[in-house]
Amino acid sequence: MEITTIHSVLPDFRYRAVDASGIVENEICPVFGAVAVTDPNPSPDEVAEWRWVSPDSLRAAIEGAPFAFSPWLVWQHEQLVESKLSE
């Protein structure tokens, strides 16, 4: 995948999550944005499906059904909303 215009979105993002089996993830994961020049080609062992969506469509989906997404995506969305409100 080729990308351009890389920029920091949430440089201090971190999370702690416990899955149903008790595995704990405690990660520091800065979030970046970029412009995709080509489509991604993710490993089928790691990604079941993907699609391009507009930011507004993603926002509406997260707000309408947060359980359908990873907890960290929901937390990233919340932090982005909070940061825009404080601007």
PDB file of N, CA and C in Angstrom:
ATOM      1  N   MET A   1       0.845  -1.171   0.000  1.00  0.00           N
ATOM      2  CA  MET A   1       0.000   0.000   0.000  1.00  0.00           C
ATOM      3  C   MET A   1       0.888   1.231   0.000  1.00  0.00           C
ATOM      4  N   GLU A   2       0.559   2.175  -0.825  1.00  0.00           N
ATOM      5  CA  GLU A   2       1.310   3.426  -0.883  1.00  0.00           C
ATOM      6  C   GLU A   2       0.503   4.526  -0.202  1.00  0.00           C
ATOM      7  N   ILE A   3       1.159   5.293   0.681  1.00  0.00           N
ATOM      8  CA  ILE A   3       0.497   6.390   1.385  1.00  0.00           C
ATOM      9  C   ILE A   3       1.335   7.658   1.298  1.00  0.00           C
ATOM     10  N   THR A   4       0.659   8.799   1.460  1.00  0.00           N
ATOM     11  CA  THR A   4       1.326  10.100   1.494  1.00  0.00           C
ATOM     12  C   THR A   4       0.687  10.929   2.599  1.00  0.00           C
ATOM     13  N   THR A   5       1.223  12.092   2.825  1.00  0.00           N
ATOM     14  CA  THR A   5       0.649  13.082   3.744  1.00  0.00           C
ATOM     15  C   THR A   5       0.397  12.486   5.135  1.00  0.00           C
ATOM     16  N   ILE A   6       1.396  11.873   5.698  1.00  0.00           N
ATOM     17  CA  ILE A   6       1.269  11.269   7.029  1.00  0.00           C
ATOM     18  C   ILE A   6       1.266  12.379   8.084  1.00  0.00           C
ATOM     19  N   HIS A   7       0.324  12.298   9.019  1.00  0.00           N
ATOM     20  CA  HIS A   7       0.244  13.293  10.088  1.00  0.00           C
ATOM     21  C   HIS A   7      -0.237  12.640  11.391  1.00  0.00           C
ATOM     22  N   SER A   8       0.172  13.214  12.492  1.00  0.00           N
ATOM     23  CA  SER A   8      -0.208  12.706  13.808  1.00  0.00           C
ATOM     24  C   SER A   8      -1.640  13.125  14.123  1.00  0.00           C
ATOM     25  N   VAL A   9      -2.449  12.173  14.601  1.00  0.00           N
ATOM     26  CA  VAL A   9      -3.841  12.451  14.957  1.00  0.00           C
ATOM     27  C   VAL A   9      -4.022  12.389  16.478  1.00  0.00           C
ATOM     28  N   LEU A  10      -3.604  11.301  17.085  1.00  0.00           N
ATOM     29  CA  LEU A  10      -3.644  11.127  18.543  1.00  0.00           C
ATOM     30  C   LEU A  10      -2.273  10.637  19.002  1.00  0.00           C
ATOM     31  N   PRO A  11      -1.318  11.535  19.167  1.00  0.00           N
ATOM     32  CA  PRO A  11       0.055  11.109  19.465  1.00  0.00           C
ATOM     33  C   PRO A  11       0.224  10.422  20.813  1.00  0.00           C
ATOM     34  N   ASP A  12      -0.671  10.671  21.755  1.00  0.00           N
ATOM     35  CA  ASP A  12      -0.535  10.101  23.098  1.00  0.00           C
ATOM     36  C   ASP A  12      -1.560   9.007  23.395  1.00  0.00           C
ATOM     37  N   PHE A  13      -2.166   8.425  22.363  1.00  0.00           N
ATOM     38  CA  PHE A  13      -3.205   7.418  22.606  1.00  0.00           C
ATOM     39  C   PHE A  13      -2.609   6.175  23.239  1.00  0.00           C
ATOM     40  N   ARG A  14      -3.251   5.719  24.289  1.00  0.00           N
ATOM     41  CA  ARG A  14      -2.888   4.461  24.946  1.00  0.00           C
ATOM     42  C   ARG A  14      -4.172   3.845  25.486  1.00  0.00           C
ATOM     43  N   TYR A  15      -4.138   2.546  25.677  1.00  0.00           N
ATOM     44  CA  TYR A  15      -5.313   1.876  26.231  1.00  0.00           C
ATOM     45  C   TYR A  15      -4.908   0.642  27.021  1.00  0.00           C
ATOM     46  N   ARG A  16      -5.847   0.228  27.858  1.00  0.00           N
ATOM     47  CA  ARG A  16      -5.723  -1.026  28.595  1.00  0.00           C
ATOM     48  C   ARG A  16      -7.052  -1.741  28.431  1.00  0.00           C
ATOM     49  N   ALA A  17      -7.003  -2.976  27.954  1.00  0.00           N
ATOM     50  CA  ALA A  17      -8.227  -3.750  27.723  1.00  0.00           C
ATOM     51  C   ALA A  17      -7.996  -5.195  28.157  1.00  0.00           C
ATOM     52  N   VAL A  18      -9.048  -5.824  28.649  1.00  0.00           N
ATOM     53  CA  VAL A  18      -9.008  -7.226  29.049  1.00  0.00           C
ATOM     54  C   VAL A  18     -10.038  -7.962  28.210  1.00  0.00           C
ATOM     55  N   ASP A  19      -9.602  -9.019  27.501  1.00  0.00           N
ATOM     56  CA  ASP A  19     -10.576  -9.755  26.701  1.00  0.00           C
ATOM     57  C   ASP A  19     -11.275 -10.826  27.544  1.00  0.00           C
ATOM     58  N   ALA A  20     -12.204 -11.520  26.929  1.00  0.00           N
ATOM     59  CA  ALA A  20     -13.038 -12.492  27.651  1.00  0.00           C
ATOM     60  C   ALA A  20     -12.219 -13.622  28.280  1.00  0.00           C
ATOM     61  N   SER A  21     -11.054 -13.926  27.721  1.00  0.00           N
ATOM     62  CA  SER A  21     -10.227 -15.005  28.274  1.00  0.00           C
ATOM     63  C   SER A  21      -9.295 -14.510  29.376  1.00  0.00           C
ATOM     64  N   GLY A  22      -9.320 -13.192  29.630  1.00  0.00           N
ATOM     65  CA  GLY A  22      -8.481 -12.637  30.679  1.00  0.00           C
ATOM     66  C   GLY A  22      -7.166 -12.057  30.195  1.00  0.00           C
ATOM     67  N   ILE A  23      -6.899 -12.133  28.894  1.00  0.00           N
ATOM     68  CA  ILE A  23      -5.675 -11.543  28.353  1.00  0.00           C
ATOM     69  C   ILE A  23      -5.765 -10.031  28.465  1.00  0.00           C
ATOM     70  N   VAL A  24      -4.696  -9.425  28.986  1.00  0.00           N
ATOM     71  CA  VAL A  24      -4.653  -7.977  29.174  1.00  0.00           C
ATOM     72  C   VAL A  24      -3.772  -7.346  28.106  1.00  0.00           C
ATOM     73  N   GLU A  25      -4.295  -6.329  27.454  1.00  0.00           N
ATOM     74  CA  GLU A  25      -3.499  -5.507  26.544  1.00  0.00           C
ATOM     75  C   GLU A  25      -3.318  -4.165  27.207  1.00  0.00           C
ATOM     76  N   ASN A  26      -2.092  -3.722  27.321  1.00  0.00           N
ATOM     77  CA  ASN A  26      -1.782  -2.412  27.884  1.00  0.00           C
ATOM     78  C   ASN A  26      -0.793  -1.787  26.909  1.00  0.00           C
ATOM     79  N   GLU A  27      -1.307  -0.974  25.985  1.00  0.00           N
ATOM     80  CA  GLU A  27      -0.488  -0.545  24.861  1.00  0.00           C
ATOM     81  C   GLU A  27      -0.452   0.959  24.698  1.00  0.00           C
ATOM     82  N   ILE A  28       0.676   1.427  24.216  1.00  0.00           N
ATOM     83  CA  ILE A  28       0.838   2.808  23.770  1.00  0.00           C
ATOM     84  C   ILE A  28       0.777   2.748  22.250  1.00  0.00           C
ATOM     85  N   CYS A  29      -0.220   3.386  21.674  1.00  0.00           N
ATOM     86  CA  CYS A  29      -0.469   3.264  20.237  1.00  0.00           C
ATOM     87  C   CYS A  29      -0.765   4.630  19.624  1.00  0.00           C
ATOM     88  N   PRO A  30       0.242   5.419  19.300  1.00  0.00           N
ATOM     89  CA  PRO A  30      -0.044   6.692  18.642  1.00  0.00           C
ATOM     90  C   PRO A  30      -0.826   6.449  17.355  1.00  0.00           C
ATOM     91  N   VAL A  31      -1.754   7.329  17.046  1.00  0.00           N
ATOM     92  CA  VAL A  31      -2.606   7.185  15.868  1.00  0.00           C
ATOM     93  C   VAL A  31      -2.176   8.224  14.834  1.00  0.00           C
ATOM     94  N   PHE A  32      -2.015   7.773  13.602  1.00  0.00           N
ATOM     95  CA  PHE A  32      -1.626   8.640  12.498  1.00  0.00           C
ATOM     96  C   PHE A  32      -2.685   8.600  11.413  1.00  0.00           C
ATOM     97  N   GLY A  33      -2.784   9.665  10.659  1.00  0.00           N
ATOM     98  CA  GLY A  33      -3.631   9.720   9.481  1.00  0.00           C
ATOM     99  C   GLY A  33      -2.735   9.828   8.257  1.00  0.00           C
ATOM    100  N   ALA A  34      -3.270   9.458   7.110  1.00  0.00           N
ATOM    101  CA  ALA A  34      -2.515   9.538   5.863  1.00  0.00           C
ATOM    102  C   ALA A  34      -3.487   9.494   4.695  1.00  0.00           C
ATOM    103  N   VAL A  35      -2.984   9.808   3.540  1.00  0.00           N
ATOM    104  CA  VAL A  35      -3.752   9.688   2.309  1.00  0.00           C
ATOM    105  C   VAL A  35      -3.301   8.403   1.624  1.00  0.00           C
ATOM    106  N   ALA A  36      -4.255   7.529   1.331  1.00  0.00           N
ATOM    107  CA  ALA A  36      -3.935   6.265   0.656  1.00  0.00           C
ATOM    108  C   ALA A  36      -3.929   6.481  -0.851  1.00  0.00           C
ATOM    109  N   VAL A  37      -2.832   6.098  -1.478  1.00  0.00           N
ATOM    110  CA  VAL A  37      -2.709   6.209  -2.926  1.00  0.00           C
ATOM    111  C   VAL A  37      -3.206   4.913  -3.588  1.00  0.00           C
ATOM    112  N   THR A  38      -3.013   3.800  -2.891  1.00  0.00           N
ATOM    113  CA  THR A  38      -3.467   2.499  -3.392  1.00  0.00           C
ATOM    114  C   THR A  38      -4.278   1.805  -2.296  1.00  0.00           C
ATOM    115  N   ASP A  39      -5.025   0.791  -2.670  1.00  0.00           N
ATOM    116  CA  ASP A  39      -5.797   0.020  -1.690  1.00  0.00           C
ATOM    117  C   ASP A  39      -4.866  -0.805  -0.805  1.00  0.00           C
ATOM    118  N   PRO A  40      -5.276  -1.010   0.456  1.00  0.00           N
ATOM    119  CA  PRO A  40      -4.481  -1.884   1.326  1.00  0.00           C
ATOM    120  C   PRO A  40      -4.585  -3.333   0.863  1.00  0.00           C
ATOM    121  N   ASN A  41      -3.625  -4.126   1.267  1.00  0.00           N
ATOM    122  CA  ASN A  41      -3.617  -5.553   0.960  1.00  0.00           C
ATOM    123  C   ASN A  41      -3.299  -6.296   2.259  1.00  0.00           C
ATOM    124  N   PRO A  42      -4.258  -6.281   3.226  1.00  0.00           N
ATOM    125  CA  PRO A  42      -3.965  -6.885   4.530  1.00  0.00           C
ATOM    126  C   PRO A  42      -3.876  -8.408   4.463  1.00  0.00           C
ATOM    127  N   SER A  43      -3.171  -8.958   5.428  1.00  0.00           N
ATOM    128  CA  SER A  43      -3.049 -10.412   5.531  1.00  0.00           C
ATOM    129  C   SER A  43      -4.406 -11.006   5.889  1.00  0.00           C
ATOM    130  N   PRO A  44      -4.885 -11.996   5.154  1.00  0.00           N
ATOM    131  CA  PRO A  44      -6.166 -12.621   5.483  1.00  0.00           C
ATOM    132  C   PRO A  44      -6.147 -13.336   6.837  1.00  0.00           C
ATOM    133  N   ASP A  45      -4.959 -13.627   7.357  1.00  0.00           N
ATOM    134  CA  ASP A  45      -4.852 -14.224   8.690  1.00  0.00           C
ATOM    135  C   ASP A  45      -5.179 -13.213   9.791  1.00  0.00           C
ATOM    136  N   GLU A  46      -5.092 -11.923   9.458  1.00  0.00           N
ATOM    137  CA  GLU A  46      -5.297 -10.879  10.454  1.00  0.00           C
ATOM    138  C   GLU A  46      -6.546 -10.041  10.221  1.00  0.00           C
ATOM    139  N   VAL A  47      -7.025  -9.973   8.985  1.00  0.00           N
ATOM    140  CA  VAL A  47      -8.147  -9.097   8.646  1.00  0.00           C
ATOM    141  C   VAL A  47      -9.189  -9.902   7.883  1.00  0.00           C
ATOM    142  N   ALA A  48     -10.403  -9.982   8.440  1.00  0.00           N
ATOM    143  CA  ALA A  48     -11.473 -10.744   7.795  1.00  0.00           C
ATOM    144  C   ALA A  48     -12.075  -9.976   6.623  1.00  0.00           C
ATOM    145  N   GLU A  49     -12.246  -8.674   6.783  1.00  0.00           N
ATOM    146  CA  GLU A  49     -12.797  -7.857   5.711  1.00  0.00           C
ATOM    147  C   GLU A  49     -12.469  -6.393   5.981  1.00  0.00           C
ATOM    148  N   TRP A  50     -12.499  -5.584   4.936  1.00  0.00           N
ATOM    149  CA  TRP A  50     -12.276  -4.143   5.073  1.00  0.00           C
ATOM    150  C   TRP A  50     -13.046  -3.439   3.965  1.00  0.00           C
ATOM    151  N   ARG A  51     -13.258  -2.139   4.144  1.00  0.00           N
ATOM    152  CA  ARG A  51     -13.853  -1.323   3.092  1.00  0.00           C
ATOM    153  C   ARG A  51     -13.579   0.148   3.381  1.00  0.00           C
ATOM    154  N   TRP A  52     -13.602   0.937   2.331  1.00  0.00           N
ATOM    155  CA  TRP A  52     -13.449   2.378   2.479  1.00  0.00           C
ATOM    156  C   TRP A  52     -14.779   2.963   2.920  1.00  0.00           C
ATOM    157  N   VAL A  53     -14.749   3.834   3.905  1.00  0.00           N
ATOM    158  CA  VAL A  53     -15.948   4.561   4.339  1.00  0.00           C
ATOM    159  C   VAL A  53     -15.557   6.018   4.592  1.00  0.00           C
ATOM    160  N   SER A  54     -16.522   6.884   4.497  1.00  0.00           N
ATOM    161  CA  SER A  54     -16.260   8.300   4.780  1.00  0.00           C
ATOM    162  C   SER A  54     -16.139   8.488   6.288  1.00  0.00           C
ATOM    163  N   PRO A  55     -15.442   9.524   6.725  1.00  0.00           N
ATOM    164  CA  PRO A  55     -15.364   9.793   8.164  1.00  0.00           C
ATOM    165  C   PRO A  55     -16.745   9.941   8.806  1.00  0.00           C
ATOM    166  N   ASP A  56     -17.674  10.570   8.108  1.00  0.00           N
ATOM    167  CA  ASP A  56     -19.022  10.733   8.661  1.00  0.00           C
ATOM    168  C   ASP A  56     -19.740   9.397   8.810  1.00  0.00           C
ATOM    169  N   SER A  57     -19.559   8.500   7.849  1.00  0.00           N
ATOM    170  CA  SER A  57     -20.182   7.171   7.942  1.00  0.00           C
ATOM    171  C   SER A  57     -19.588   6.367   9.087  1.00  0.00           C
ATOM    172  N   LEU A  58     -18.270   6.448   9.258  1.00  0.00           N
ATOM    173  CA  LEU A  58     -17.632   5.738  10.359  1.00  0.00           C
ATOM    174  C   LEU A  58     -18.115   6.294  11.693  1.00  0.00           C
ATOM    175  N   ARG A  59     -18.164   7.609  11.804  1.00  0.00           N
ATOM    176  CA  ARG A  59     -18.630   8.246  13.040  1.00  0.00           C
ATOM    177  C   ARG A  59     -20.044   7.771  13.386  1.00  0.00           C
ATOM    178  N   ALA A  60     -20.932   7.772  12.403  1.00  0.00           N
ATOM    179  CA  ALA A  60     -22.314   7.347  12.632  1.00  0.00           C
ATOM    180  C   ALA A  60     -22.381   5.875  13.045  1.00  0.00           C
ATOM    181  N   ALA A  61     -21.563   5.030  12.418  1.00  0.00           N
ATOM    182  CA  ALA A  61     -21.561   3.605  12.758  1.00  0.00           C
ATOM    183  C   ALA A  61     -21.059   3.375  14.173  1.00  0.00           C
ATOM    184  N   ILE A  62     -19.990   4.066  14.559  1.00  0.00           N
ATOM    185  CA  ILE A  62     -19.448   3.921  15.916  1.00  0.00           C
ATOM    186  C   ILE A  62     -20.479   4.378  16.945  1.00  0.00           C
ATOM    187  N   GLU A  63     -21.098   5.515  16.682  1.00  0.00           N
ATOM    188  CA  GLU A  63     -22.075   6.039  17.640  1.00  0.00           C
ATOM    189  C   GLU A  63     -23.338   5.183  17.690  1.00  0.00           C
ATOM    190  N   GLY A  64     -23.699   4.553  16.578  1.00  0.00           N
ATOM    191  CA  GLY A  64     -24.912   3.739  16.531  1.00  0.00           C
ATOM    192  C   GLY A  64     -24.735   2.322  17.054  1.00  0.00           C
ATOM    193  N   ALA A  65     -23.538   1.777  16.911  1.00  0.00           N
ATOM    194  CA  ALA A  65     -23.302   0.381  17.321  1.00  0.00           C
ATOM    195  C   ALA A  65     -21.863   0.211  17.780  1.00  0.00           C
ATOM    196  N   PRO A  66     -21.472   0.838  18.892  1.00  0.00           N
ATOM    197  CA  PRO A  66     -20.076   0.764  19.324  1.00  0.00           C
ATOM    198  C   PRO A  66     -19.596  -0.659  19.589  1.00  0.00           C
ATOM    199  N   PHE A  67     -20.498  -1.560  19.934  1.00  0.00           N
ATOM    200  CA  PHE A  67     -20.148  -2.955  20.213  1.00  0.00           C
ATOM    201  C   PHE A  67     -19.624  -3.685  18.978  1.00  0.00           C
ATOM    202  N   ALA A  68     -19.860  -3.135  17.787  1.00  0.00           N
ATOM    203  CA  ALA A  68     -19.430  -3.776  16.544  1.00  0.00           C
ATOM    204  C   ALA A  68     -17.964  -3.482  16.213  1.00  0.00           C
ATOM    205  N   PHE A  69     -17.327  -2.632  17.017  1.00  0.00           N
ATOM    206  CA  PHE A  69     -15.960  -2.200  16.745  1.00  0.00           C
ATOM    207  C   PHE A  69     -15.052  -2.557  17.910  1.00  0.00           C
ATOM    208  N   SER A  70     -13.766  -2.537  17.652  1.00  0.00           N
ATOM    209  CA  SER A  70     -12.819  -2.788  18.743  1.00  0.00           C
ATOM    210  C   SER A  70     -12.969  -1.681  19.786  1.00  0.00           C
ATOM    211  N   PRO A  71     -12.771  -2.030  21.058  1.00  0.00           N
ATOM    212  CA  PRO A  71     -12.889  -0.997  22.097  1.00  0.00           C
ATOM    213  C   PRO A  71     -11.959   0.182  21.845  1.00  0.00           C
ATOM    214  N   TRP A  72     -10.738  -0.084  21.345  1.00  0.00           N
ATOM    215  CA  TRP A  72      -9.796   1.013  21.154  1.00  0.00           C
ATOM    216  C   TRP A  72     -10.226   1.948  20.037  1.00  0.00           C
ATOM    217  N   LEU A  73     -10.919   1.464  19.007  1.00  0.00           N
ATOM    218  CA  LEU A  73     -11.437   2.372  17.979  1.00  0.00           C
ATOM    219  C   LEU A  73     -12.488   3.298  18.590  1.00  0.00           C
ATOM    220  N   VAL A  74     -13.348   2.745  19.424  1.00  0.00           N
ATOM    221  CA  VAL A  74     -14.370   3.559  20.092  1.00  0.00           C
ATOM    222  C   VAL A  74     -13.689   4.607  20.977  1.00  0.00           C
ATOM    223  N   TRP A  75     -12.654   4.222  21.716  1.00  0.00           N
ATOM    224  CA  TRP A  75     -11.944   5.167  22.582  1.00  0.00           C
ATOM    225  C   TRP A  75     -11.228   6.232  21.749  1.00  0.00           C
ATOM    226  N   GLN A  76     -10.653   5.841  20.604  1.00  0.00           N
ATOM    227  CA  GLN A  76     -10.003   6.815  19.733  1.00  0.00           C
ATOM    228  C   GLN A  76     -11.033   7.832  19.232  1.00  0.00           C
ATOM    229  N   HIS A  77     -12.189   7.335  18.830  1.00  0.00           N
ATOM    230  CA  HIS A  77     -13.268   8.219  18.369  1.00  0.00           C
ATOM    231  C   HIS A  77     -13.654   9.206  19.472  1.00  0.00           C
ATOM    232  N   GLU A  78     -13.823   8.704  20.695  1.00  0.00           N
ATOM    233  CA  GLU A  78     -14.188   9.574  21.817  1.00  0.00           C
ATOM    234  C   GLU A  78     -13.133  10.652  22.032  1.00  0.00           C
ATOM    235  N   GLN A  79     -11.856  10.281  21.976  1.00  0.00           N
ATOM    236  CA  GLN A  79     -10.783  11.257  22.166  1.00  0.00           C
ATOM    237  C   GLN A  79     -10.752  12.290  21.050  1.00  0.00           C
ATOM    238  N   LEU A  80     -11.017  11.859  19.823  1.00  0.00           N
ATOM    239  CA  LEU A  80     -11.053  12.815  18.715  1.00  0.00           C
ATOM    240  C   LEU A  80     -12.198  13.802  18.882  1.00  0.00           C
ATOM    241  N   VAL A  81     -13.364  13.315  19.294  1.00  0.00           N
ATOM    242  CA  VAL A  81     -14.503  14.196  19.529  1.00  0.00           C
ATOM    243  C   VAL A  81     -14.171  15.192  20.639  1.00  0.00           C
ATOM    244  N   GLU A  82     -13.590  14.694  21.729  1.00  0.00           N
ATOM    245  CA  GLU A  82     -13.225  15.573  22.853  1.00  0.00           C
ATOM    246  C   GLU A  82     -12.203  16.632  22.410  1.00  0.00           C
ATOM    247  N   SER A  83     -11.216  16.239  21.602  1.00  0.00           N
ATOM    248  CA  SER A  83     -10.190  17.193  21.184  1.00  0.00           C
ATOM    249  C   SER A  83     -10.782  18.257  20.270  1.00  0.00           C
ATOM    250  N   LYS A  84     -11.753  17.886  19.436  1.00  0.00           N
ATOM    251  CA  LYS A  84     -12.397  18.876  18.553  1.00  0.00           C
ATOM    252  C   LYS A  84     -13.265  19.830  19.361  1.00  0.00           C
ATOM    253  N   LEU A  85     -13.891  19.332  20.437  1.00  0.00           N
ATOM    254  CA  LEU A  85     -14.717  20.193  21.271  1.00  0.00           C
ATOM    255  C   LEU A  85     -13.876  21.214  22.028  1.00  0.00           C
ATOM    256  N   SER A  86     -12.632  20.857  22.338  1.00  0.00           N
ATOM    257  CA  SER A  86     -11.784  21.754  23.111  1.00  0.00           C
ATOM    258  C   SER A  86     -11.019  22.756  22.230  1.00  0.00           C
ATOM    259  N   GLU A  87     -11.154  22.641  20.915  1.00  0.00           N
ATOM    260  CA  GLU A  87     -10.452  23.578  20.007  1.00  0.00           C
ATOM    261  C   GLU A  87     -11.115  24.923  19.994  1.00  0.00           C
TER     262      GLU A  87
END
